[in-house]
PDB file of N, CA and C in Angstrom:
ATOM      1  N   MET A   1     -26.142 -81.460 -28.246  1.00  0.00           N
ATOM      2  CA  MET A   1     -25.196 -80.382 -28.833  1.00  0.00           C
ATOM      3  C   MET A   1     -26.151 -79.373 -29.655  1.00  0.00           C
ATOM      4  N   ARG A   2     -27.484 -79.755 -30.114  1.00  0.00           N
ATOM      5  CA  ARG A   2     -28.168 -78.749 -30.926  1.00  0.00           C
ATOM      6  C   ARG A   2     -29.000 -77.962 -29.786  1.00  0.00           C
ATOM      7  N   LYS A   3     -29.593 -78.659 -28.638  1.00  0.00           N
ATOM      8  CA  LYS A   3     -29.639 -77.767 -27.751  1.00  0.00           C
ATOM      9  C   LYS A   3     -28.812 -77.063 -26.988  1.00  0.00           C
ATOM     10  N   THR A   4     -27.621 -77.497 -26.525  1.00  0.00           N
ATOM     11  CA  THR A   4     -26.555 -76.314 -25.992  1.00  0.00           C
ATOM     12  C   THR A   4     -26.605 -74.987 -26.720  1.00  0.00           C
ATOM     13  N   ARG A   5     -26.520 -75.576 -28.259  1.00  0.00           N
ATOM     14  CA  ARG A   5     -26.333 -74.070 -29.198  1.00  0.00           C
ATOM     15  C   ARG A   5     -27.673 -73.265 -29.177  1.00  0.00           C
ATOM     16  N   ILE A   6     -28.933 -73.714 -29.282  1.00  0.00           N
ATOM     17  CA  ILE A   6     -29.975 -72.888 -28.513  1.00  0.00           C
ATOM     18  C   ILE A   6     -30.371 -71.667 -27.217  1.00  0.00           C
ATOM     19  N   THR A   7     -29.787 -72.759 -26.441  1.00  0.00           N
ATOM     20  CA  THR A   7     -30.076 -72.126 -25.352  1.00  0.00           C
ATOM     21  C   THR A   7     -28.922 -70.729 -24.948  1.00  0.00           C
ATOM     22  N   LEU A   8     -27.778 -71.320 -26.427  1.00  0.00           N
ATOM     23  CA  LEU A   8     -27.100 -70.684 -26.047  1.00  0.00           C
ATOM     24  C   LEU A   8     -27.501 -69.086 -26.688  1.00  0.00           C
ATOM     25  N   LEU A   9     -28.303 -69.369 -27.626  1.00  0.00           N
ATOM     26  CA  LEU A   9     -28.430 -68.106 -28.384  1.00  0.00           C
ATOM     27  C   LEU A   9     -29.957 -67.516 -27.942  1.00  0.00           C
ATOM     28  N   LEU A  10     -30.399 -68.516 -27.134  1.00  0.00           N
ATOM     29  CA  LEU A  10     -31.483 -67.823 -26.229  1.00  0.00           C
ATOM     30  C   LEU A  10     -31.033 -67.002 -24.988  1.00  0.00           C
ATOM     31  N   ALA A  11     -29.552 -67.084 -24.749  1.00  0.00           N
ATOM     32  CA  ALA A  11     -29.489 -66.726 -23.664  1.00  0.00           C
ATOM     33  C   ALA A  11     -28.557 -65.289 -23.984  1.00  0.00           C
ATOM     34  N   GLY A  12     -27.483 -65.283 -25.428  1.00  0.00           N
ATOM     35  CA  GLY A  12     -27.764 -64.353 -25.857  1.00  0.00           C
ATOM     36  C   GLY A  12     -28.561 -63.149 -25.981  1.00  0.00           C
ATOM     37  N   LEU A  13     -30.088 -63.816 -26.916  1.00  0.00           N
ATOM     38  CA  LEU A  13     -30.968 -63.405 -27.091  1.00  0.00           C
ATOM     39  C   LEU A  13     -31.540 -62.397 -25.659  1.00  0.00           C
ATOM     40  N   LEU A  14     -31.656 -63.370 -24.943  1.00  0.00           N
ATOM     41  CA  LEU A  14     -32.255 -62.380 -23.505  1.00  0.00           C
ATOM     42  C   LEU A  14     -31.465 -61.620 -22.977  1.00  0.00           C
ATOM     43  N   ALA A  15     -29.467 -61.508 -22.995  1.00  0.00           N
ATOM     44  CA  ALA A  15     -28.641 -60.693 -22.483  1.00  0.00           C
ATOM     45  C   ALA A  15     -28.707 -59.328 -22.940  1.00  0.00           C
ATOM     46  N   ALA A  16     -28.698 -59.187 -24.847  1.00  0.00           N
ATOM     47  CA  ALA A  16     -28.683 -58.458 -25.304  1.00  0.00           C
ATOM     48  C   ALA A  16     -29.747 -57.604 -25.495  1.00  0.00           C
ATOM     49  N   ALA A  17     -31.469 -58.071 -25.245  1.00  0.00           N
ATOM     50  CA  ALA A  17     -32.492 -57.332 -24.736  1.00  0.00           C
ATOM     51  C   ALA A  17     -32.605 -56.829 -23.628  1.00  0.00           C
ATOM     52  N   THR A  18     -31.958 -57.046 -22.442  1.00  0.00           N
ATOM     53  CA  THR A  18     -31.883 -56.515 -21.349  1.00  0.00           C
ATOM     54  C   THR A  18     -31.489 -55.189 -20.785  1.00  0.00           C
ATOM     55  N   THR A  19     -29.926 -55.296 -22.451  1.00  0.00           N
ATOM     56  CA  THR A  19     -29.245 -53.851 -22.221  1.00  0.00           C
ATOM     57  C   THR A  19     -29.612 -53.155 -23.037  1.00  0.00           C
ATOM     58  N   LEU A  20     -31.032 -53.378 -24.038  1.00  0.00           N
ATOM     59  CA  LEU A  20     -31.326 -52.352 -25.125  1.00  0.00           C
ATOM     60  C   LEU A  20     -31.984 -51.355 -24.258  1.00  0.00           C
ATOM     61  N   PRO A  21     -32.271 -49.540 -24.188  1.00  0.00           N
ATOM     62  CA  PRO A  21     -32.573 -48.578 -23.993  1.00  0.00           C
ATOM     63  C   PRO A  21     -33.799 -49.167 -23.935  1.00  0.00           C
ATOM     64  N   ALA A  22     -34.928 -48.745 -22.390  1.00  0.00           N
ATOM     65  CA  ALA A  22     -36.080 -48.832 -22.354  1.00  0.00           C
ATOM     66  C   ALA A  22     -37.751 -47.752 -22.658  1.00  0.00           C
ATOM     67  N   HIS A  23     -37.789 -47.632 -23.704  1.00  0.00           N
ATOM     68  CA  HIS A  23     -39.019 -47.196 -24.047  1.00  0.00           C
ATOM     69  C   HIS A  23     -40.154 -47.073 -23.954  1.00  0.00           C
ATOM     70  N   ALA A  24     -40.786 -46.585 -23.135  1.00  0.00           N
ATOM     71  CA  ALA A  24     -41.951 -46.448 -22.565  1.00  0.00           C
ATOM     72  C   ALA A  24     -42.924 -46.648 -23.683  1.00  0.00           C
ATOM     73  N   GLY A  25     -44.437 -48.012 -23.861  1.00  0.00           N
ATOM     74  CA  GLY A  25     -44.825 -47.923 -24.544  1.00  0.00           C
ATOM     75  C   GLY A  25     -46.622 -47.078 -23.983  1.00  0.00           C
ATOM     76  N   PRO A  26     -47.103 -47.659 -24.960  1.00  0.00           N
ATOM     77  CA  PRO A  26     -48.533 -46.533 -24.451  1.00  0.00           C
ATOM     78  C   PRO A  26     -48.974 -47.029 -23.494  1.00  0.00           C
ATOM     79  N   ASP A  27     -49.395 -48.560 -23.372  1.00  0.00           N
ATOM     80  CA  ASP A  27     -49.898 -49.134 -22.339  1.00  0.00           C
ATOM     81  C   ASP A  27     -48.614 -48.854 -20.634  1.00  0.00           C
ATOM     82  N   GLU A  28     -47.747 -48.502 -20.887  1.00  0.00           N
ATOM     83  CA  GLU A  28     -47.390 -47.908 -19.742  1.00  0.00           C
ATOM     84  C   GLU A  28     -46.921 -46.682 -19.221  1.00  0.00           C
ATOM     85  N   ALA A  29     -47.621 -45.943 -20.486  1.00  0.00           N
ATOM     86  CA  ALA A  29     -47.222 -44.300 -20.297  1.00  0.00           C
ATOM     87  C   ALA A  29     -49.243 -44.110 -19.321  1.00  0.00           C
ATOM     88  N   LEU A  30     -49.753 -45.362 -19.789  1.00  0.00           N
ATOM     89  CA  LEU A  30     -50.939 -45.430 -19.508  1.00  0.00           C
ATOM     90  C   LEU A  30     -51.274 -45.355 -17.766  1.00  0.00           C
ATOM     91  N   ASN A  31     -50.411 -45.896 -17.953  1.00  0.00           N
ATOM     92  CA  ASN A  31     -50.218 -46.514 -16.013  1.00  0.00           C
ATOM     93  C   ASN A  31     -49.888 -45.956 -15.322  1.00  0.00           C
ATOM     94  N   LYS A  32     -47.978 -45.458 -15.729  1.00  0.00           N
ATOM     95  CA  LYS A  32     -48.230 -44.585 -14.745  1.00  0.00           C
ATOM     96  C   LYS A  32     -48.325 -43.678 -14.522  1.00  0.00           C
ATOM     97  N   ALA A  33     -49.002 -43.232 -15.688  1.00  0.00           N
ATOM     98  CA  ALA A  33     -49.944 -41.242 -15.377  1.00  0.00           C
ATOM     99  C   ALA A  33     -51.075 -41.759 -14.911  1.00  0.00           C
ATOM    100  N   GLY A  34     -52.038 -43.430 -14.299  1.00  0.00           N
ATOM    101  CA  GLY A  34     -52.658 -43.390 -13.895  1.00  0.00           C
ATOM    102  C   GLY A  34     -54.179 -43.355 -13.999  1.00  0.00           C
ATOM    103  N   CYS A  35     -53.897 -42.809 -15.214  1.00  0.00           N
ATOM    104  CA  CYS A  35     -55.273 -43.397 -16.706  1.00  0.00           C
ATOM    105  C   CYS A  35     -56.405 -44.497 -16.529  1.00  0.00           C
ATOM    106  N   VAL A  36     -55.115 -45.713 -15.933  1.00  0.00           N
ATOM    107  CA  VAL A  36     -56.035 -46.861 -16.036  1.00  0.00           C
ATOM    108  C   VAL A  36     -56.730 -47.136 -14.750  1.00  0.00           C
ATOM    109  N   ALA A  37     -56.980 -46.227 -14.153  1.00  0.00           N
ATOM    110  CA  ALA A  37     -57.621 -46.247 -12.531  1.00  0.00           C
ATOM    111  C   ALA A  37     -59.011 -45.832 -13.221  1.00  0.00           C
ATOM    112  N   CYS A  38     -59.364 -45.230 -14.116  1.00  0.00           N
ATOM    113  CA  CYS A  38     -60.640 -44.880 -14.185  1.00  0.00           C
ATOM    114  C   CYS A  38     -60.744 -45.711 -15.783  1.00  0.00           C
ATOM    115  N   HIS A  39     -60.187 -45.706 -16.944  1.00  0.00           N
ATOM    116  CA  HIS A  39     -60.030 -46.152 -18.146  1.00  0.00           C
ATOM    117  C   HIS A  39     -59.645 -47.409 -18.202  1.00  0.00           C
ATOM    118  N   ALA A  40     -60.336 -48.499 -18.789  1.00  0.00           N
ATOM    119  CA  ALA A  40     -59.961 -49.750 -19.745  1.00  0.00           C
ATOM    120  C   ALA A  40     -60.255 -50.143 -20.740  1.00  0.00           C
ATOM    121  N   GLN A  41     -59.909 -50.626 -21.439  1.00  0.00           N
ATOM    122  CA  GLN A  41     -59.558 -51.140 -22.544  1.00  0.00           C
ATOM    123  C   GLN A  41     -60.704 -50.936 -23.691  1.00  0.00           C
ATOM    124  N   ASP A  42     -61.727 -52.295 -23.090  1.00  0.00           N
ATOM    125  CA  ASP A  42     -62.930 -52.494 -22.989  1.00  0.00           C
ATOM    126  C   ASP A  42     -63.928 -52.253 -22.503  1.00  0.00           C
ATOM    127  N   LYS A  43     -64.099 -51.753 -21.467  1.00  0.00           N
ATOM    128  CA  LYS A  43     -65.054 -51.757 -20.629  1.00  0.00           C
ATOM    129  C   LYS A  43     -65.185 -50.599 -19.784  1.00  0.00           C
ATOM    130  N   LYS A  44     -66.249 -49.871 -18.941  1.00  0.00           N
ATOM    131  CA  LYS A  44     -66.434 -49.162 -18.694  1.00  0.00           C
ATOM    132  C   LYS A  44     -65.781 -49.214 -16.930  1.00  0.00           C
ATOM    133  N   LEU A  45     -64.998 -48.396 -16.661  1.00  0.00           N
ATOM    134  CA  LEU A  45     -64.761 -48.150 -15.526  1.00  0.00           C
ATOM    135  C   LEU A  45     -65.322 -46.556 -14.522  1.00  0.00           C
ATOM    136  N   VAL A  46     -64.720 -45.822 -14.398  1.00  0.00           N
ATOM    137  CA  VAL A  46     -65.298 -44.818 -13.683  1.00  0.00           C
ATOM    138  C   VAL A  46     -65.529 -44.167 -14.807  1.00  0.00           C
ATOM    139  N   GLY A  47     -63.842 -44.046 -16.046  1.00  0.00           N
ATOM    140  CA  GLY A  47     -64.590 -43.539 -17.136  1.00  0.00           C
ATOM    141  C   GLY A  47     -64.798 -44.509 -18.088  1.00  0.00           C
ATOM    142  N   PRO A  48     -65.119 -43.660 -19.656  1.00  0.00           N
ATOM    143  CA  PRO A  48     -65.383 -44.220 -20.677  1.00  0.00           C
ATOM    144  C   PRO A  48     -64.439 -45.597 -21.013  1.00  0.00           C
ATOM    145  N   ALA A  49     -64.136 -46.744 -21.497  1.00  0.00           N
ATOM    146  CA  ALA A  49     -63.266 -47.238 -22.134  1.00  0.00           C
ATOM    147  C   ALA A  49     -62.673 -46.894 -22.846  1.00  0.00           C
ATOM    148  N   PHE A  50     -60.947 -47.342 -23.393  1.00  0.00           N
ATOM    149  CA  PHE A  50     -60.155 -46.571 -24.354  1.00  0.00           C
ATOM    150  C   PHE A  50     -61.269 -46.771 -26.024  1.00  0.00           C
ATOM    151  N   LYS A  51     -61.752 -48.247 -26.053  1.00  0.00           N
ATOM    152  CA  LYS A  51     -62.064 -48.188 -27.551  1.00  0.00           C
ATOM    153  C   LYS A  51     -63.855 -47.275 -27.996  1.00  0.00           C
ATOM    154  N   GLU A  52     -64.017 -47.253 -26.431  1.00  0.00           N
ATOM    155  CA  GLU A  52     -65.784 -45.617 -26.530  1.00  0.00           C
ATOM    156  C   GLU A  52     -64.957 -44.651 -27.150  1.00  0.00           C
ATOM    157  N   ILE A  53     -63.949 -44.009 -26.626  1.00  0.00           N
ATOM    158  CA  ILE A  53     -63.539 -42.681 -26.938  1.00  0.00           C
ATOM    159  C   ILE A  53     -62.861 -42.659 -28.602  1.00  0.00           C
ATOM    160  N   ALA A  54     -62.318 -44.371 -28.822  1.00  0.00           N
ATOM    161  CA  ALA A  54     -61.701 -44.156 -30.532  1.00  0.00           C
ATOM    162  C   ALA A  54     -62.930 -44.013 -30.942  1.00  0.00           C
ATOM    163  N   ALA A  55     -64.095 -44.864 -30.880  1.00  0.00           N
ATOM    164  CA  ALA A  55     -65.527 -44.321 -31.586  1.00  0.00           C
ATOM    165  C   ALA A  55     -66.088 -43.701 -31.431  1.00  0.00           C
ATOM    166  N   LYS A  56     -65.750 -42.599 -30.267  1.00  0.00           N
ATOM    167  CA  LYS A  56     -66.387 -41.289 -30.235  1.00  0.00           C
ATOM    168  C   LYS A  56     -65.805 -40.097 -32.108  1.00  0.00           C
ATOM    169  N   TYR A  57     -64.593 -40.374 -30.907  1.00  0.00           N
ATOM    170  CA  TYR A  57     -63.539 -39.736 -32.067  1.00  0.00           C
ATOM    171  C   TYR A  57     -63.529 -40.080 -33.156  1.00  0.00           C
ATOM    172  N   ARG A  58     -63.539 -40.941 -34.354  1.00  0.00           N
ATOM    173  CA  ARG A  58     -63.276 -41.647 -34.967  1.00  0.00           C
ATOM    174  C   ARG A  58     -63.502 -40.733 -36.462  1.00  0.00           C
ATOM    175  N   GLY A  59     -62.573 -40.042 -37.617  1.00  0.00           N
ATOM    176  CA  GLY A  59     -62.746 -39.913 -38.337  1.00  0.00           C
ATOM    177  C   GLY A  59     -62.780 -38.516 -38.256  1.00  0.00           C
ATOM    178  N   GLN A  60     -62.515 -37.930 -36.909  1.00  0.00           N
ATOM    179  CA  GLN A  60     -62.391 -36.594 -36.952  1.00  0.00           C
ATOM    180  C   GLN A  60     -60.857 -35.687 -37.087  1.00  0.00           C
ATOM    181  N   LYS A  61     -60.651 -35.059 -37.479  1.00  0.00           N
ATOM    182  CA  LYS A  61     -59.013 -34.994 -38.063  1.00  0.00           C
ATOM    183  C   LYS A  61     -58.465 -33.997 -36.557  1.00  0.00           C
ATOM    184  N   GLU A  62     -58.873 -33.498 -35.682  1.00  0.00           N
ATOM    185  CA  GLU A  62     -58.284 -32.751 -34.444  1.00  0.00           C
ATOM    186  C   GLU A  62     -58.413 -33.606 -33.530  1.00  0.00           C
ATOM    187  N   ALA A  63     -59.058 -34.597 -33.507  1.00  0.00           N
ATOM    188  CA  ALA A  63     -59.177 -35.697 -32.330  1.00  0.00           C
ATOM    189  C   ALA A  63     -58.406 -35.650 -31.613  1.00  0.00           C
ATOM    190  N   ALA A  64     -56.759 -36.113 -31.877  1.00  0.00           N
ATOM    191  CA  ALA A  64     -55.522 -36.309 -31.536  1.00  0.00           C
ATOM    192  C   ALA A  64     -55.559 -34.874 -30.040  1.00  0.00           C
ATOM    193  N   VAL A  65     -56.045 -33.521 -30.730  1.00  0.00           N
ATOM    194  CA  VAL A  65     -54.655 -31.865 -30.649  1.00  0.00           C
ATOM    195  C   VAL A  65     -56.485 -32.542 -28.996  1.00  0.00           C
ATOM    196  N   GLN A  66     -57.563 -32.535 -29.218  1.00  0.00           N
ATOM    197  CA  GLN A  66     -58.918 -32.235 -28.609  1.00  0.00           C
ATOM    198  C   GLN A  66     -58.760 -32.757 -27.526  1.00  0.00           C
ATOM    199  N   LEU A  67     -58.284 -34.080 -27.533  1.00  0.00           N
ATOM    200  CA  LEU A  67     -58.297 -35.148 -26.455  1.00  0.00           C
ATOM    201  C   LEU A  67     -57.401 -34.971 -25.399  1.00  0.00           C
ATOM    202  N   ALA A  68     -55.688 -34.719 -26.184  1.00  0.00           N
ATOM    203  CA  ALA A  68     -55.140 -33.967 -24.807  1.00  0.00           C
ATOM    204  C   ALA A  68     -55.422 -32.909 -24.485  1.00  0.00           C
ATOM    205  N   ASP A  69     -56.062 -31.724 -25.470  1.00  0.00           N
ATOM    206  CA  ASP A  69     -56.386 -30.468 -24.292  1.00  0.00           C
ATOM    207  C   ASP A  69     -57.210 -30.958 -23.076  1.00  0.00           C
ATOM    208  N   LYS A  70     -58.126 -32.581 -23.353  1.00  0.00           N
ATOM    209  CA  LYS A  70     -59.270 -32.164 -22.276  1.00  0.00           C
ATOM    210  C   LYS A  70     -58.342 -32.958 -21.022  1.00  0.00           C
ATOM    211  N   VAL A  71     -57.319 -34.054 -21.403  1.00  0.00           N
ATOM    212  CA  VAL A  71     -56.762 -34.777 -20.792  1.00  0.00           C
ATOM    213  C   VAL A  71     -55.581 -33.716 -19.574  1.00  0.00           C
ATOM    214  N   ARG A  72     -55.187 -32.285 -20.698  1.00  0.00           N
ATOM    215  CA  ARG A  72     -53.969 -31.545 -19.796  1.00  0.00           C
ATOM    216  C   ARG A  72     -55.356 -30.475 -19.158  1.00  0.00           C
ATOM    217  N   LYS A  73     -56.234 -29.915 -19.426  1.00  0.00           N
ATOM    218  CA  LYS A  73     -57.535 -29.302 -18.629  1.00  0.00           C
ATOM    219  C   LYS A  73     -58.196 -30.318 -17.517  1.00  0.00           C
ATOM    220  N   GLY A  74     -58.662 -31.196 -17.692  1.00  0.00           N
ATOM    221  CA  GLY A  74     -59.959 -32.118 -17.252  1.00  0.00           C
ATOM    222  C   GLY A  74     -61.033 -31.805 -17.631  1.00  0.00           C
ATOM    223  N   GLY A  75     -62.129 -32.058 -17.142  1.00  0.00           N
ATOM    224  CA  GLY A  75     -63.459 -31.820 -17.502  1.00  0.00           C
ATOM    225  C   GLY A  75     -64.527 -32.997 -16.869  1.00  0.00           C
ATOM    226  N   LYS A  76     -65.596 -32.599 -17.138  1.00  0.00           N
ATOM    227  CA  LYS A  76     -66.580 -33.085 -17.190  1.00  0.00           C
ATOM    228  C   LYS A  76     -68.140 -32.965 -17.709  1.00  0.00           C
ATOM    229  N   GLY A  77     -69.031 -33.988 -18.293  1.00  0.00           N
ATOM    230  CA  GLY A  77     -70.300 -34.167 -18.741  1.00  0.00           C
ATOM    231  C   GLY A  77     -70.115 -34.517 -19.584  1.00  0.00           C
ATOM    232  N   VAL A  78     -69.331 -35.025 -20.741  1.00  0.00           N
ATOM    233  CA  VAL A  78     -68.881 -34.921 -21.291  1.00  0.00           C
ATOM    234  C   VAL A  78     -69.510 -36.746 -21.951  1.00  0.00           C
ATOM    235  N   TRP A  79     -69.163 -37.569 -20.761  1.00  0.00           N
ATOM    236  CA  TRP A  79     -69.271 -38.701 -20.682  1.00  0.00           C
ATOM    237  C   TRP A  79     -70.133 -39.231 -19.107  1.00  0.00           C
ATOM    238  N   GLY A  80     -70.526 -38.197 -18.332  1.00  0.00           N
ATOM    239  CA  GLY A  80     -71.472 -38.399 -17.739  1.00  0.00           C
ATOM    240  C   GLY A  80     -71.041 -37.581 -16.587  1.00  0.00           C
ATOM    241  N   PRO A  81     -71.762 -37.608 -15.370  1.00  0.00           N
ATOM    242  CA  PRO A  81     -71.422 -36.316 -14.121  1.00  0.00           C
ATOM    243  C   PRO A  81     -69.909 -36.902 -12.972  1.00  0.00           C
ATOM    244  N   ILE A  82     -69.299 -37.732 -13.117  1.00  0.00           N
ATOM    245  CA  ILE A  82     -67.741 -37.957 -12.794  1.00  0.00           C
ATOM    246  C   ILE A  82     -67.097 -37.275 -13.315  1.00  0.00           C
ATOM    247  N   PRO A  83     -66.177 -36.427 -12.881  1.00  0.00           N
ATOM    248  CA  PRO A  83     -65.328 -35.170 -13.702  1.00  0.00           C
ATOM    249  C   PRO A  83     -63.708 -35.985 -13.523  1.00  0.00           C
ATOM    250  N   MET A  84     -62.956 -35.388 -15.103  1.00  0.00           N
ATOM    251  CA  MET A  84     -61.706 -36.122 -14.832  1.00  0.00           C
ATOM    252  C   MET A  84     -60.519 -34.645 -14.560  1.00  0.00           C
ATOM    253  N   PRO A  85     -59.836 -35.758 -13.775  1.00  0.00           N
ATOM    254  CA  PRO A  85     -59.251 -34.516 -13.069  1.00  0.00           C
ATOM    255  C   PRO A  85     -57.955 -33.924 -14.646  1.00  0.00           C
ATOM    256  N   ALA A  86     -57.347 -32.776 -14.277  1.00  0.00           N
ATOM    257  CA  ALA A  86     -56.250 -32.620 -14.858  1.00  0.00           C
ATOM    258  C   ALA A  86     -55.222 -32.859 -15.041  1.00  0.00           C
ATOM    259  N   ASN A  87     -54.612 -33.560 -15.709  1.00  0.00           N
ATOM    260  CA  ASN A  87     -53.300 -34.428 -16.166  1.00  0.00           C
ATOM    261  C   ASN A  87     -52.487 -33.574 -16.864  1.00  0.00           C
ATOM    262  N   GLY A  88     -51.230 -32.869 -15.651  1.00  0.00           N
ATOM    263  CA  GLY A  88     -50.696 -31.588 -16.920  1.00  0.00           C
ATOM    264  C   GLY A  88     -49.072 -32.617 -16.361  1.00  0.00           C
ATOM    265  N   PRO A  89     -48.262 -32.439 -17.980  1.00  0.00           N
ATOM    266  CA  PRO A  89     -46.744 -32.713 -18.044  1.00  0.00           C
ATOM    267  C   PRO A  89     -45.784 -33.714 -16.892  1.00  0.00           C
ATOM    268  N   ASP A  90     -46.163 -33.515 -16.081  1.00  0.00           N
ATOM    269  CA  ASP A  90     -45.528 -33.556 -14.778  1.00  0.00           C
ATOM    270  C   ASP A  90     -46.439 -34.727 -14.267  1.00  0.00           C
ATOM    271  N   LYS A  91     -47.148 -35.311 -14.865  1.00  0.00           N
ATOM    272  CA  LYS A  91     -48.230 -36.444 -14.703  1.00  0.00           C
ATOM    273  C   LYS A  91     -47.676 -37.345 -15.418  1.00  0.00           C
ATOM    274  N   ILE A  92     -48.242 -36.988 -17.205  1.00  0.00           N
ATOM    275  CA  ILE A  92     -47.805 -37.745 -18.062  1.00  0.00           C
ATOM    276  C   ILE A  92     -46.369 -37.041 -19.375  1.00  0.00           C
ATOM    277  N   SER A  93     -45.610 -36.987 -19.936  1.00  0.00           N
ATOM    278  CA  SER A  93     -44.991 -36.144 -20.567  1.00  0.00           C
ATOM    279  C   SER A  93     -45.573 -35.875 -21.795  1.00  0.00           C
ATOM    280  N   ASP A  94     -45.805 -35.238 -22.938  1.00  0.00           N
ATOM    281  CA  ASP A  94     -45.788 -35.146 -23.704  1.00  0.00           C
ATOM    282  C   ASP A  94     -46.187 -35.869 -24.761  1.00  0.00           C
ATOM    283  N   ALA A  95     -44.527 -36.660 -24.735  1.00  0.00           N
ATOM    284  CA  ALA A  95     -44.306 -37.969 -26.091  1.00  0.00           C
ATOM    285  C   ALA A  95     -45.327 -38.549 -25.493  1.00  0.00           C
ATOM    286  N   ASP A  96     -45.214 -38.941 -24.415  1.00  0.00           N
ATOM    287  CA  ASP A  96     -45.998 -40.036 -23.582  1.00  0.00           C
ATOM    288  C   ASP A  96     -47.562 -40.236 -23.499  1.00  0.00           C
ATOM    289  N   LEU A  97     -48.057 -38.973 -23.868  1.00  0.00           N
ATOM    290  CA  LEU A  97     -49.275 -37.910 -24.159  1.00  0.00           C
ATOM    291  C   LEU A  97     -49.948 -38.231 -25.139  1.00  0.00           C
ATOM    292  N   LYS A  98     -48.601 -37.809 -26.652  1.00  0.00           N
ATOM    293  CA  LYS A  98     -49.446 -38.187 -27.555  1.00  0.00           C
ATOM    294  C   LYS A  98     -49.228 -39.431 -27.956  1.00  0.00           C
ATOM    295  N   ALA A  99     -48.515 -40.667 -28.037  1.00  0.00           N
ATOM    296  CA  ALA A  99     -48.022 -42.005 -27.853  1.00  0.00           C
ATOM    297  C   ALA A  99     -49.326 -42.599 -27.697  1.00  0.00           C
ATOM    298  N   ALA A 100     -49.870 -42.471 -26.294  1.00  0.00           N
ATOM    299  CA  ALA A 100     -51.026 -43.137 -25.504  1.00  0.00           C
ATOM    300  C   ALA A 100     -51.945 -42.695 -26.803  1.00  0.00           C
ATOM    301  N   LEU A 101     -52.219 -41.596 -26.724  1.00  0.00           N
ATOM    302  CA  LEU A 101     -53.490 -41.046 -27.239  1.00  0.00           C
ATOM    303  C   LEU A 101     -53.427 -41.244 -29.332  1.00  0.00           C
ATOM    304  N   ASP A 102     -52.657 -41.715 -29.498  1.00  0.00           N
ATOM    305  CA  ASP A 102     -52.374 -42.477 -30.623  1.00  0.00           C
ATOM    306  C   ASP A 102     -53.019 -43.616 -30.983  1.00  0.00           C
ATOM    307  N   TRP A 103     -52.589 -44.336 -28.703  1.00  0.00           N
ATOM    308  CA  TRP A 103     -52.667 -45.471 -30.002  1.00  0.00           C
ATOM    309  C   TRP A 103     -54.328 -45.827 -28.725  1.00  0.00           C
ATOM    310  N   VAL A 104     -54.447 -45.268 -28.665  1.00  0.00           N
ATOM    311  CA  VAL A 104     -56.403 -44.764 -27.962  1.00  0.00           C
ATOM    312  C   VAL A 104     -56.910 -44.936 -29.520  1.00  0.00           C
ATOM    313  N   LEU A 105     -56.762 -44.227 -30.080  1.00  0.00           N
ATOM    314  CA  LEU A 105     -57.508 -43.366 -31.275  1.00  0.00           C
ATOM    315  C   LEU A 105     -57.808 -44.863 -31.727  1.00  0.00           C
ATOM    316  N   ALA A 106     -56.386 -45.466 -32.178  1.00  0.00           N
ATOM    317  CA  ALA A 106     -56.418 -46.356 -33.382  1.00  0.00           C
ATOM    318  C   ALA A 106     -56.537 -47.856 -32.814  1.00  0.00           C
ATOM    319  N   LEU A 107     -57.467 -47.764 -31.528  1.00  0.00           N
ATOM    320  CA  LEU A 107     -58.578 -49.221 -31.255  1.00  0.00           C
ATOM    321  C   LEU A 107     -59.791 -49.183 -32.143  1.00  0.00           C
TER     322      LEU A 107
END
């Protein structure tokens, strides 16, 4: 009897969870925008690790604004010779970019 109640409860929770509106988390936004093709959380790939970026910009008041500008315009030379392409709003929305940068800077 107890097992049946737990099973029904879990089934109900699962059904409720699948009907909730989906919100892209920062990791989803980074993946969708293609950021993870060149960046990883803990290690350098083509570009620096997200943790390295967070460490470099830690304590800087305008870090999120500066990084958003770099993402939008692209750049080269800050982390090495390989350029980062520009990533416009068609690639990552302003809201997703803000969420992603807040996540990166919190690492």
